[in-house]
Amino acid sequence: MPGDYVSFSAAWFTLSLINAGLAQGKGRSGLQWWFISLIVGPFATLLIVAWPALATGQPDFPPGKMSRNQAVVLGAIVLLVMFAIFGLAN
């Protein structure tokens, strides 16, 4: 069904944005990981989470910034909401 492709594509694109944020949080290039995530999707998430963060000489969580756990929880909530919206639309 065409509607299934739309919801799958929206979830894949959203995951790529979440991966870009996770990569930036670990000191890596968000843009590069966004492109990688568009191609390999969930496998990029596994790589980003499994690889250690790059040493930047800055504190892990400067004031006013979102921690990695908060970003993951927020990303999961966004995905669940999207799945609920697209699931109800069908």
Protein backbone atom coordinates (compact mmCIF):
# COMPACT_ATOMS: atom_id res chain seq x y z
CA MET A 1 0.00 0.00 0.00
CA PRO A 2 1.28 3.50 -0.77
CA GLY A 3 0.40 4.77 2.70
CA ASP A 4 2.74 2.22 4.27
CA TYR A 5 5.66 3.58 2.26
CA VAL A 6 4.91 7.11 3.42
CA SER A 7 4.85 6.21 7.12
CA PHE A 8 7.97 4.03 6.77
CA SER A 9 9.79 6.85 4.96
CA ALA A 10 8.76 9.39 7.60
CA ALA A 11 10.02 7.13 10.39
CA TRP A 12 13.31 6.49 8.55
CA PHE A 13 13.83 10.23 7.99
CA THR A 14 13.01 11.02 11.62
CA LEU A 15 15.49 8.38 12.77
CA SER A 16 18.16 9.98 10.59
CA LEU A 17 17.57 13.34 12.31
CA ILE A 18 17.76 11.71 15.73
CA ASN A 19 21.00 10.01 14.72
CA ALA A 20 22.46 13.35 13.64
CA GLY A 21 21.70 14.77 17.07
CA LEU A 22 23.19 11.76 18.82
CA ALA A 23 26.34 12.02 16.70
CA GLN A 24 26.73 15.71 17.51
CA GLY A 25 26.34 14.89 21.18
CA LYS A 26 29.30 12.53 20.86
CA GLY A 27 31.47 15.12 19.13
CA ARG A 28 30.98 13.78 15.60
CA SER A 29 29.66 15.50 12.49
CA GLY A 30 25.87 15.60 12.55
CA LEU A 31 25.63 16.25 8.80
CA GLN A 32 27.79 13.26 7.88
CA TRP A 33 25.88 10.96 10.21
CA TRP A 34 22.59 12.27 8.85
CA PHE A 35 23.62 11.20 5.33
CA ILE A 36 24.89 7.85 6.61
CA SER A 37 21.63 7.34 8.51
CA LEU A 38 19.56 7.97 5.38
CA ILE A 39 21.32 5.00 3.81
CA VAL A 40 21.73 2.49 6.64
CA GLY A 41 19.11 3.73 9.14
CA PRO A 42 18.97 1.75 12.40
CA PHE A 43 22.46 0.32 11.85
CA ALA A 44 23.83 3.87 12.09
CA THR A 45 22.05 4.24 15.43
CA LEU A 46 23.79 1.12 16.68
CA LEU A 47 27.18 2.44 15.56
CA ILE A 48 26.65 5.86 17.11
CA VAL A 49 25.58 4.40 20.43
CA ALA A 50 28.30 1.71 20.51
CA TRP A 51 31.28 3.90 19.58
CA PRO A 52 32.76 6.02 22.35
CA ALA A 53 32.47 9.79 22.22
CA LEU A 54 35.35 11.79 20.78
CA ALA A 55 37.44 13.64 23.35
CA THR A 56 36.63 17.34 22.96
CA GLY A 57 38.10 18.72 26.16
CA GLN A 58 34.69 20.09 27.11
CA PRO A 59 32.45 18.88 29.92
CA ASP A 60 30.13 16.05 28.93
CA PHE A 61 26.95 18.02 29.55
CA PRO A 62 27.43 21.79 29.61
CA PRO A 63 24.64 23.76 31.33
CA GLY A 64 21.60 24.27 29.14
CA LYS A 65 22.39 21.33 26.88
CA MET A 66 20.42 18.13 26.57
CA SER A 67 22.09 14.97 27.86
CA ARG A 68 22.35 11.90 25.65
CA ASN A 69 19.74 10.03 27.69
CA GLN A 70 17.33 12.94 27.39
CA ALA A 71 17.90 13.05 23.62
CA VAL A 72 17.24 9.32 23.28
CA VAL A 73 14.03 9.53 25.32
CA LEU A 74 12.86 12.55 23.34
CA GLY A 75 13.63 10.78 20.07
CA ALA A 76 11.71 7.69 21.17
CA ILE A 77 8.72 9.83 22.12
CA VAL A 78 8.81 11.57 18.73
CA LEU A 79 8.91 8.20 16.95
CA LEU A 80 6.02 6.83 19.01
CA VAL A 81 3.93 9.91 18.30
CA MET A 82 4.68 9.63 14.58
CA PHE A 83 3.79 5.96 14.53
CA ALA A 84 0.56 6.73 16.37
CA ILE A 85 -0.36 9.53 13.95
CA PHE A 86 0.41 7.51 10.84
CA GLY A 87 -1.17 4.40 12.32
CA LEU A 88 -4.42 6.27 13.01
CA ALA A 89 -4.37 7.85 9.56
CA ASN A 90 -4.67 4.43 7.86
